[in-house]
Amino acid sequence: MIFKIILGLIGLFIIYGGFKYSKATQDKYLKKTMNDVGDATSNPGFGDVGIISFIIYFILDFILEKSPWYIVKILILLLGILIFITAVIVPY
């Protein structure tokens, strides 16, 4: 029961973030974050974790940074709705 409430709140928080997301947000935060993550994945000291982080970076870079801001906004909203509906509908 507590897990469903926490999951529902996370879903609502993601939905709220999706509504607040804009082109300015993508330009200000996402591109800077992706540059920082790209610098971290180029560090060869991580071993296997470096390969995993490179794959995650590639997916995030391809989906989030290269997509227009409104596509990313829609993806965030859909993720939040999916999490919220999962918390409400699925019995635990």
PDB file of N, CA and C in Angstrom:
ATOM      1  N   MET A   1       0.814  -1.188   0.000  1.00  0.00           N
ATOM      2  CA  MET A   1       0.000   0.000   0.000  1.00  0.00           C
ATOM      3  C   MET A   1       0.862   1.258   0.000  1.00  0.00           C
ATOM      4  N   ILE A   2       1.879   1.271   0.838  1.00  0.00           N
ATOM      5  CA  ILE A   2       2.791   2.418   0.895  1.00  0.00           C
ATOM      6  C   ILE A   2       3.526   2.548  -0.438  1.00  0.00           C
ATOM      7  N   PHE A   3       3.896   1.400  -1.010  1.00  0.00           N
ATOM      8  CA  PHE A   3       4.603   1.419  -2.288  1.00  0.00           C
ATOM      9  C   PHE A   3       3.727   2.036  -3.382  1.00  0.00           C
ATOM     10  N   LYS A   4       2.439   1.730  -3.373  1.00  0.00           N
ATOM     11  CA  LYS A   4       1.528   2.292  -4.371  1.00  0.00           C
ATOM     12  C   LYS A   4       1.410   3.803  -4.211  1.00  0.00           C
ATOM     13  N   ILE A   5       1.375   4.269  -2.978  1.00  0.00           N
ATOM     14  CA  ILE A   5       1.280   5.712  -2.736  1.00  0.00           C
ATOM     15  C   ILE A   5       2.549   6.414  -3.202  1.00  0.00           C
ATOM     16  N   ILE A   6       3.698   5.839  -2.883  1.00  0.00           N
ATOM     17  CA  ILE A   6       4.971   6.426  -3.306  1.00  0.00           C
ATOM     18  C   ILE A   6       5.074   6.414  -4.826  1.00  0.00           C
ATOM     19  N   LEU A   7       4.704   5.318  -5.448  1.00  0.00           N
ATOM     20  CA  LEU A   7       4.747   5.223  -6.906  1.00  0.00           C
ATOM     21  C   LEU A   7       3.786   6.220  -7.553  1.00  0.00           C
ATOM     22  N   GLY A   8       2.604   6.383  -6.975  1.00  0.00           N
ATOM     23  CA  GLY A   8       1.653   7.366  -7.483  1.00  0.00           C
ATOM     24  C   GLY A   8       2.179   8.785  -7.375  1.00  0.00           C
ATOM     25  N   LEU A   9       2.827   9.104  -6.254  1.00  0.00           N
ATOM     26  CA  LEU A   9       3.414  10.431  -6.082  1.00  0.00           C
ATOM     27  C   LEU A   9       4.563  10.674  -7.059  1.00  0.00           C
ATOM     28  N   ILE A  10       5.351   9.658  -7.302  1.00  0.00           N
ATOM     29  CA  ILE A  10       6.428   9.788  -8.292  1.00  0.00           C
ATOM     30  C   ILE A  10       5.839  10.047  -9.672  1.00  0.00           C
ATOM     31  N   GLY A  11       4.782   9.326 -10.011  1.00  0.00           N
ATOM     32  CA  GLY A  11       4.121   9.540 -11.297  1.00  0.00           C
ATOM     33  C   GLY A  11       3.574  10.950 -11.422  1.00  0.00           C
ATOM     34  N   LEU A  12       2.934  11.448 -10.358  1.00  0.00           N
ATOM     35  CA  LEU A  12       2.413  12.814 -10.387  1.00  0.00           C
ATOM     36  C   LEU A  12       3.543  13.841 -10.499  1.00  0.00           C
ATOM     37  N   PHE A  13       4.652  13.590  -9.821  1.00  0.00           N
ATOM     38  CA  PHE A  13       5.794  14.494  -9.894  1.00  0.00           C
ATOM     39  C   PHE A  13       6.370  14.525 -11.314  1.00  0.00           C
ATOM     40  N   ILE A  14       6.450  13.378 -11.962  1.00  0.00           N
ATOM     41  CA  ILE A  14       6.953  13.319 -13.338  1.00  0.00           C
ATOM     42  C   ILE A  14       5.985  14.015 -14.285  1.00  0.00           C
ATOM     43  N   ILE A  15       4.693  13.847 -14.080  1.00  0.00           N
ATOM     44  CA  ILE A  15       3.694  14.538 -14.910  1.00  0.00           C
ATOM     45  C   ILE A  15       3.845  16.046 -14.740  1.00  0.00           C
ATOM     46  N   TYR A  16       4.003  16.502 -13.502  1.00  0.00           N
ATOM     47  CA  TYR A  16       4.207  17.933 -13.249  1.00  0.00           C
ATOM     48  C   TYR A  16       5.462  18.437 -13.964  1.00  0.00           C
ATOM     49  N   GLY A  17       6.539  17.654 -13.887  1.00  0.00           N
ATOM     50  CA  GLY A  17       7.770  18.021 -14.587  1.00  0.00           C
ATOM     51  C   GLY A  17       7.579  18.059 -16.093  1.00  0.00           C
ATOM     52  N   GLY A  18       6.750  17.175 -16.611  1.00  0.00           N
ATOM     53  CA  GLY A  18       6.456  17.184 -18.038  1.00  0.00           C
ATOM     54  C   GLY A  18       5.721  18.438 -18.467  1.00  0.00           C
ATOM     55  N   PHE A  19       4.802  18.908 -17.620  1.00  0.00           N
ATOM     56  CA  PHE A  19       4.093  20.142 -17.943  1.00  0.00           C
ATOM     57  C   PHE A  19       5.007  21.358 -17.857  1.00  0.00           C
ATOM     58  N   LYS A  20       5.983  21.329 -16.955  1.00  0.00           N
ATOM     59  CA  LYS A  20       6.896  22.458 -16.794  1.00  0.00           C
ATOM     60  C   LYS A  20       8.031  22.458 -17.829  1.00  0.00           C
ATOM     61  N   TYR A  21       8.229  21.338 -18.521  1.00  0.00           N
ATOM     62  CA  TYR A  21       9.327  21.208 -19.474  1.00  0.00           C
ATOM     63  C   TYR A  21       9.096  22.117 -20.675  1.00  0.00           C
ATOM     64  N   SER A  22      10.144  22.799 -21.111  1.00  0.00           N
ATOM     65  CA  SER A  22      10.034  23.704 -22.256  1.00  0.00           C
ATOM     66  C   SER A  22      11.338  23.694 -23.048  1.00  0.00           C
ATOM     67  N   LYS A  23      11.353  24.445 -24.111  1.00  0.00           N
ATOM     68  CA  LYS A  23      12.554  24.547 -24.936  1.00  0.00           C
ATOM     69  C   LYS A  23      13.706  25.153 -24.137  1.00  0.00           C
ATOM     70  N   ALA A  24      13.395  26.149 -23.324  1.00  0.00           N
ATOM     71  CA  ALA A  24      14.429  26.775 -22.497  1.00  0.00           C
ATOM     72  C   ALA A  24      15.023  25.776 -21.502  1.00  0.00           C
ATOM     73  N   THR A  25      14.189  24.910 -20.955  1.00  0.00           N
ATOM     74  CA  THR A  25      14.663  23.886 -20.030  1.00  0.00           C
ATOM     75  C   THR A  25      15.616  22.930 -20.734  1.00  0.00           C
ATOM     76  N   GLN A  26      15.263  22.526 -21.937  1.00  0.00           N
ATOM     77  CA  GLN A  26      16.121  21.607 -22.679  1.00  0.00           C
ATOM     78  C   GLN A  26      17.449  22.269 -23.015  1.00  0.00           C
ATOM     79  N   ASP A  27      17.405  23.506 -23.439  1.00  0.00           N
ATOM     80  CA  ASP A  27      18.648  24.195 -23.789  1.00  0.00           C
ATOM     81  C   ASP A  27      19.524  24.429 -22.569  1.00  0.00           C
ATOM     82  N   LYS A  28      18.908  24.745 -21.443  1.00  0.00           N
ATOM     83  CA  LYS A  28      19.674  25.097 -20.251  1.00  0.00           C
ATOM     84  C   LYS A  28      20.238  23.877 -19.533  1.00  0.00           C
ATOM     85  N   TYR A  29      19.421  22.855 -19.326  1.00  0.00           N
ATOM     86  CA  TYR A  29      19.829  21.745 -18.473  1.00  0.00           C
ATOM     87  C   TYR A  29      20.219  20.484 -19.225  1.00  0.00           C
ATOM     88  N   LEU A  30      19.405  20.059 -20.190  1.00  0.00           N
ATOM     89  CA  LEU A  30      19.638  18.765 -20.822  1.00  0.00           C
ATOM     90  C   LEU A  30      20.945  18.746 -21.592  1.00  0.00           C
ATOM     91  N   LYS A  31      21.224  19.762 -22.374  1.00  0.00           N
ATOM     92  CA  LYS A  31      22.445  19.765 -23.171  1.00  0.00           C
ATOM     93  C   LYS A  31      23.681  19.821 -22.281  1.00  0.00           C
ATOM     94  N   LYS A  32      23.632  20.582 -21.184  1.00  0.00           N
ATOM     95  CA  LYS A  32      24.763  20.636 -20.252  1.00  0.00           C
ATOM     96  C   LYS A  32      24.950  19.286 -19.567  1.00  0.00           C
ATOM     97  N   THR A  33      23.847  18.672 -19.140  1.00  0.00           N
ATOM     98  CA  THR A  33      23.925  17.382 -18.474  1.00  0.00           C
ATOM     99  C   THR A  33      24.474  16.314 -19.406  1.00  0.00           C
ATOM    100  N   MET A  34      24.014  16.314 -20.653  1.00  0.00           N
ATOM    101  CA  MET A  34      24.493  15.315 -21.601  1.00  0.00           C
ATOM    102  C   MET A  34      25.980  15.511 -21.888  1.00  0.00           C
ATOM    103  N   ASN A  35      26.469  16.743 -21.913  1.00  0.00           N
ATOM    104  CA  ASN A  35      27.896  16.973 -22.094  1.00  0.00           C
ATOM    105  C   ASN A  35      28.686  16.444 -20.906  1.00  0.00           C
ATOM    106  N   ASP A  36      28.163  16.648 -19.685  1.00  0.00           N
ATOM    107  CA  ASP A  36      28.827  16.126 -18.492  1.00  0.00           C
ATOM    108  C   ASP A  36      28.834  14.605 -18.483  1.00  0.00           C
ATOM    109  N   VAL A  37      27.718  13.985 -18.864  1.00  0.00           N
ATOM    110  CA  VAL A  37      27.644  12.525 -18.914  1.00  0.00           C
ATOM    111  C   VAL A  37      28.577  11.995 -19.996  1.00  0.00           C
ATOM    112  N   GLY A  38      28.660  12.674 -21.117  1.00  0.00           N
ATOM    113  CA  GLY A  38      29.564  12.264 -22.192  1.00  0.00           C
ATOM    114  C   GLY A  38      31.012  12.316 -21.749  1.00  0.00           C
ATOM    115  N   ASP A  39      31.378  13.315 -20.966  1.00  0.00           N
ATOM    116  CA  ASP A  39      32.739  13.396 -20.437  1.00  0.00           C
ATOM    117  C   ASP A  39      33.009  12.258 -19.463  1.00  0.00           C
ATOM    118  N   ALA A  40      32.006  11.886 -18.670  1.00  0.00           N
ATOM    119  CA  ALA A  40      32.176  10.805 -17.701  1.00  0.00           C
ATOM    120  C   ALA A  40      32.311   9.454 -18.392  1.00  0.00           C
ATOM    121  N   THR A  41      31.599   9.243 -19.499  1.00  0.00           N
ATOM    122  CA  THR A  41      31.671   7.945 -20.170  1.00  0.00           C
ATOM    123  C   THR A  41      32.964   7.771 -20.942  1.00  0.00           C
ATOM    124  N   SER A  42      33.648   8.859 -21.243  1.00  0.00           N
ATOM    125  CA  SER A  42      34.901   8.731 -21.979  1.00  0.00           C
ATOM    126  C   SER A  42      36.061   8.361 -21.061  1.00  0.00           C
ATOM    127  N   ASN A  43      35.830   8.295 -19.741  1.00  0.00           N
ATOM    128  CA  ASN A  43      36.859   7.928 -18.785  1.00  0.00           C
ATOM    129  C   ASN A  43      37.064   6.412 -18.837  1.00  0.00           C
ATOM    130  N   PRO A  44      38.257   5.949 -19.223  1.00  0.00           N
ATOM    131  CA  PRO A  44      38.459   4.495 -19.355  1.00  0.00           C
ATOM    132  C   PRO A  44      38.634   3.783 -18.025  1.00  0.00           C
ATOM    133  N   GLY A  45      38.636   4.461 -16.899  1.00  0.00           N
ATOM    134  CA  GLY A  45      38.879   3.822 -15.618  1.00  0.00           C
ATOM    135  C   GLY A  45      37.700   3.055 -15.064  1.00  0.00           C
ATOM    136  N   PHE A  46      36.559   3.105 -15.717  1.00  0.00           N
ATOM    137  CA  PHE A  46      35.378   2.455 -15.180  1.00  0.00           C
ATOM    138  C   PHE A  46      35.272   0.985 -15.556  1.00  0.00           C
ATOM    139  N   GLY A  47      36.000   0.515 -16.524  1.00  0.00           N
ATOM    140  CA  GLY A  47      35.928  -0.884 -16.939  1.00  0.00           C
ATOM    141  C   GLY A  47      34.605  -1.207 -17.577  1.00  0.00           C
ATOM    142  N   ASP A  48      33.934  -2.258 -17.087  1.00  0.00           N
ATOM    143  CA  ASP A  48      32.645  -2.667 -17.640  1.00  0.00           C
ATOM    144  C   ASP A  48      31.562  -1.622 -17.405  1.00  0.00           C
ATOM    145  N   VAL A  49      31.653  -0.906 -16.308  1.00  0.00           N
ATOM    146  CA  VAL A  49      30.671   0.139 -16.038  1.00  0.00           C
ATOM    147  C   VAL A  49      30.757   1.212 -17.115  1.00  0.00           C
ATOM    148  N   GLY A  50      31.936   1.443 -17.662  1.00  0.00           N
ATOM    149  CA  GLY A  50      32.097   2.411 -18.741  1.00  0.00           C
ATOM    150  C   GLY A  50      31.332   2.000 -19.982  1.00  0.00           C
ATOM    151  N   ILE A  51      31.292   0.714 -20.269  1.00  0.00           N
ATOM    152  CA  ILE A  51      30.550   0.226 -21.436  1.00  0.00           C
ATOM    153  C   ILE A  51      29.059   0.401 -21.210  1.00  0.00           C
ATOM    154  N   ILE A  52      28.600   0.056 -20.008  1.00  0.00           N
ATOM    155  CA  ILE A  52      27.175   0.203 -19.698  1.00  0.00           C
ATOM    156  C   ILE A  52      26.772   1.672 -19.727  1.00  0.00           C
ATOM    157  N   SER A  53      27.598   2.526 -19.128  1.00  0.00           N
ATOM    158  CA  SER A  53      27.265   3.950 -19.125  1.00  0.00           C
ATOM    159  C   SER A  53      27.326   4.525 -20.536  1.00  0.00           C
ATOM    160  N   PHE A  54      28.214   3.989 -21.386  1.00  0.00           N
ATOM    161  CA  PHE A  54      28.254   4.449 -22.768  1.00  0.00           C
ATOM    162  C   PHE A  54      26.967   4.078 -23.505  1.00  0.00           C
ATOM    163  N   ILE A  55      26.451   2.878 -23.267  1.00  0.00           N
ATOM    164  CA  ILE A  55      25.204   2.460 -23.913  1.00  0.00           C
ATOM    165  C   ILE A  55      24.040   3.326 -23.432  1.00  0.00           C
ATOM    166  N   ILE A  56      23.970   3.571 -22.113  1.00  0.00           N
ATOM    167  CA  ILE A  56      22.912   4.428 -21.583  1.00  0.00           C
ATOM    168  C   ILE A  56      23.049   5.831 -22.138  1.00  0.00           C
ATOM    169  N   TYR A  57      24.268   6.348 -22.206  1.00  0.00           N
ATOM    170  CA  TYR A  57      24.494   7.681 -22.761  1.00  0.00           C
ATOM    171  C   TYR A  57      24.063   7.743 -24.218  1.00  0.00           C
ATOM    172  N   PHE A  58      24.387   6.716 -24.987  1.00  0.00           N
ATOM    173  CA  PHE A  58      24.016   6.704 -26.400  1.00  0.00           C
ATOM    174  C   PHE A  58      22.503   6.735 -26.576  1.00  0.00           C
ATOM    175  N   ILE A  59      21.787   5.944 -25.768  1.00  0.00           N
ATOM    176  CA  ILE A  59      20.325   5.925 -25.852  1.00  0.00           C
ATOM    177  C   ILE A  59      19.754   7.279 -25.451  1.00  0.00           C
ATOM    178  N   LEU A  60      20.217   7.824 -24.333  1.00  0.00           N
ATOM    179  CA  LEU A  60      19.722   9.118 -23.881  1.00  0.00           C
ATOM    180  C   LEU A  60      20.075  10.227 -24.861  1.00  0.00           C
ATOM    181  N   ASP A  61      21.271  10.178 -25.396  1.00  0.00           N
ATOM    182  CA  ASP A  61      21.687  11.193 -26.353  1.00  0.00           C
ATOM    183  C   ASP A  61      20.849  11.114 -27.618  1.00  0.00           C
ATOM    184  N   PHE A  62      20.611   9.920 -28.084  1.00  0.00           N
ATOM    185  CA  PHE A  62      19.849   9.744 -29.318  1.00  0.00           C
ATOM    186  C   PHE A  62      18.389  10.141 -29.131  1.00  0.00           C
ATOM    187  N   ILE A  63      17.787   9.730 -28.007  1.00  0.00           N
ATOM    188  CA  ILE A  63      16.363   9.984 -27.800  1.00  0.00           C
ATOM    189  C   ILE A  63      16.107  11.397 -27.293  1.00  0.00           C
ATOM    190  N   LEU A  64      16.839  11.817 -26.290  1.00  0.00           N
ATOM    191  CA  LEU A  64      16.510  13.073 -25.629  1.00  0.00           C
ATOM    192  C   LEU A  64      17.153  14.299 -26.270  1.00  0.00           C
ATOM    193  N   GLU A  65      18.445  14.253 -26.467  1.00  0.00           N
ATOM    194  CA  GLU A  65      19.121  15.461 -26.936  1.00  0.00           C
ATOM    195  C   GLU A  65      18.854  15.757 -28.406  1.00  0.00           C
ATOM    196  N   LYS A  66      18.755  14.754 -29.213  1.00  0.00           N
ATOM    197  CA  LYS A  66      18.554  14.964 -30.645  1.00  0.00           C
ATOM    198  C   LYS A  66      17.097  15.210 -31.016  1.00  0.00           C
ATOM    199  N   SER A  67      16.176  14.867 -30.125  1.00  0.00           N
ATOM    200  CA  SER A  67      14.756  15.069 -30.399  1.00  0.00           C
ATOM    201  C   SER A  67      14.371  16.514 -30.089  1.00  0.00           C
ATOM    202  N   PRO A  68      13.355  17.024 -30.776  1.00  0.00           N
ATOM    203  CA  PRO A  68      12.851  18.357 -30.430  1.00  0.00           C
ATOM    204  C   PRO A  68      12.266  18.356 -29.018  1.00  0.00           C
ATOM    205  N   TRP A  69      12.200  19.524 -28.416  1.00  0.00           N
ATOM    206  CA  TRP A  69      11.778  19.632 -27.018  1.00  0.00           C
ATOM    207  C   TRP A  69      10.361  19.131 -26.805  1.00  0.00           C
ATOM    208  N   TYR A  70       9.486  19.295 -27.781  1.00  0.00           N
ATOM    209  CA  TYR A  70       8.107  18.857 -27.587  1.00  0.00           C
ATOM    210  C   TYR A  70       7.983  17.337 -27.611  1.00  0.00           C
ATOM    211  N   ILE A  71       8.849  16.660 -28.318  1.00  0.00           N
ATOM    212  CA  ILE A  71       8.856  15.191 -28.301  1.00  0.00           C
ATOM    213  C   ILE A  71       9.303  14.702 -26.919  1.00  0.00           C
ATOM    214  N   VAL A  72      10.332  15.334 -26.373  1.00  0.00           N
ATOM    215  CA  VAL A  72      10.810  14.966 -25.043  1.00  0.00           C
ATOM    216  C   VAL A  72       9.725  15.249 -24.004  1.00  0.00           C
ATOM    217  N   LYS A  73       9.006  16.367 -24.157  1.00  0.00           N
ATOM    218  CA  LYS A  73       7.921  16.704 -23.237  1.00  0.00           C
ATOM    219  C   LYS A  73       6.837  15.635 -23.276  1.00  0.00           C
ATOM    220  N   ILE A  74       6.477  15.187 -24.462  1.00  0.00           N
ATOM    221  CA  ILE A  74       5.466  14.137 -24.608  1.00  0.00           C
ATOM    222  C   ILE A  74       5.952  12.835 -23.969  1.00  0.00           C
ATOM    223  N   LEU A  75       7.229  12.484 -24.166  1.00  0.00           N
ATOM    224  CA  LEU A  75       7.769  11.263 -23.563  1.00  0.00           C
ATOM    225  C   LEU A  75       7.750  11.338 -22.038  1.00  0.00           C
ATOM    226  N   ILE A  76       8.079  12.497 -21.479  1.00  0.00           N
ATOM    227  CA  ILE A  76       8.052  12.661 -20.025  1.00  0.00           C
ATOM    228  C   ILE A  76       6.625  12.528 -19.505  1.00  0.00           C
ATOM    229  N   LEU A  77       5.679  13.174 -20.188  1.00  0.00           N
ATOM    230  CA  LEU A  77       4.283  13.068 -19.770  1.00  0.00           C
ATOM    231  C   LEU A  77       3.770  11.631 -19.849  1.00  0.00           C
ATOM    232  N   LEU A  78       4.100  10.937 -20.927  1.00  0.00           N
ATOM    233  CA  LEU A  78       3.668   9.540 -21.069  1.00  0.00           C
ATOM    234  C   LEU A  78       4.278   8.650 -19.998  1.00  0.00           C
ATOM    235  N   LEU A  79       5.542   8.878 -19.667  1.00  0.00           N
ATOM    236  CA  LEU A  79       6.186   8.103 -18.602  1.00  0.00           C
ATOM    237  C   LEU A  79       5.491   8.347 -17.269  1.00  0.00           C
ATOM    238  N   GLY A  80       5.198   9.607 -16.968  1.00  0.00           N
ATOM    239  CA  GLY A  80       4.501   9.917 -15.718  1.00  0.00           C
ATOM    240  C   GLY A  80       3.115   9.319 -15.658  1.00  0.00           C
ATOM    241  N   ILE A  81       2.381   9.392 -16.758  1.00  0.00           N
ATOM    242  CA  ILE A  81       1.038   8.808 -16.809  1.00  0.00           C
ATOM    243  C   ILE A  81       1.112   7.291 -16.645  1.00  0.00           C
ATOM    244  N   LEU A  82       2.079   6.665 -17.290  1.00  0.00           N
ATOM    245  CA  LEU A  82       2.244   5.214 -17.168  1.00  0.00           C
ATOM    246  C   LEU A  82       2.546   4.806 -15.729  1.00  0.00           C
ATOM    247  N   ILE A  83       3.422   5.531 -15.080  1.00  0.00           N
ATOM    248  CA  ILE A  83       3.758   5.206 -13.688  1.00  0.00           C
ATOM    249  C   ILE A  83       2.554   5.428 -12.782  1.00  0.00           C
ATOM    250  N   PHE A  84       1.843   6.540 -12.970  1.00  0.00           N
ATOM    251  CA  PHE A  84       0.689   6.834 -12.130  1.00  0.00           C
ATOM    252  C   PHE A  84      -0.417   5.789 -12.320  1.00  0.00           C
ATOM    253  N   ILE A  85      -0.707   5.448 -13.562  1.00  0.00           N
ATOM    254  CA  ILE A  85      -1.751   4.447 -13.831  1.00  0.00           C
ATOM    255  C   ILE A  85      -1.345   3.087 -13.289  1.00  0.00           C
ATOM    256  N   THR A  86      -0.070   2.766 -13.396  1.00  0.00           N
ATOM    257  CA  THR A  86       0.409   1.507 -12.836  1.00  0.00           C
ATOM    258  C   THR A  86       0.197   1.469 -11.323  1.00  0.00           C
ATOM    259  N   ALA A  87       0.447   2.599 -10.667  1.00  0.00           N
ATOM    260  CA  ALA A  87       0.274   2.652  -9.220  1.00  0.00           C
ATOM    261  C   ALA A  87      -1.199   2.548  -8.831  1.00  0.00           C
ATOM    262  N   VAL A  88      -2.085   3.100  -9.643  1.00  0.00           N
ATOM    263  CA  VAL A  88      -3.510   3.120  -9.299  1.00  0.00           C
ATOM    264  C   VAL A  88      -4.186   1.813  -9.646  1.00  0.00           C
ATOM    265  N   ILE A  89      -3.894   1.246 -10.806  1.00  0.00           N
ATOM    266  CA  ILE A  89      -4.640   0.098 -11.318  1.00  0.00           C
ATOM    267  C   ILE A  89      -4.093  -1.246 -10.839  1.00  0.00           C
ATOM    268  N   VAL A  90      -2.790  -1.415 -10.887  1.00  0.00           N
ATOM    269  CA  VAL A  90      -2.210  -2.723 -10.609  1.00  0.00           C
ATOM    270  C   VAL A  90      -2.307  -3.033  -9.122  1.00  0.00           C
ATOM    271  N   PRO A  91      -2.918  -4.156  -8.765  1.00  0.00           N
ATOM    272  CA  PRO A  91      -2.999  -4.525  -7.345  1.00  0.00           C
ATOM    273  C   PRO A  91      -1.689  -5.138  -6.869  1.00  0.00           C
ATOM    274  N   TYR A  92      -1.258  -4.755  -5.690  1.00  0.00           N
ATOM    275  CA  TYR A  92      -0.028  -5.304  -5.126  1.00  0.00           C
ATOM    276  C   TYR A  92      -0.358  -6.174  -3.956  1.00  0.00           C
TER     277      TYR A  92
END
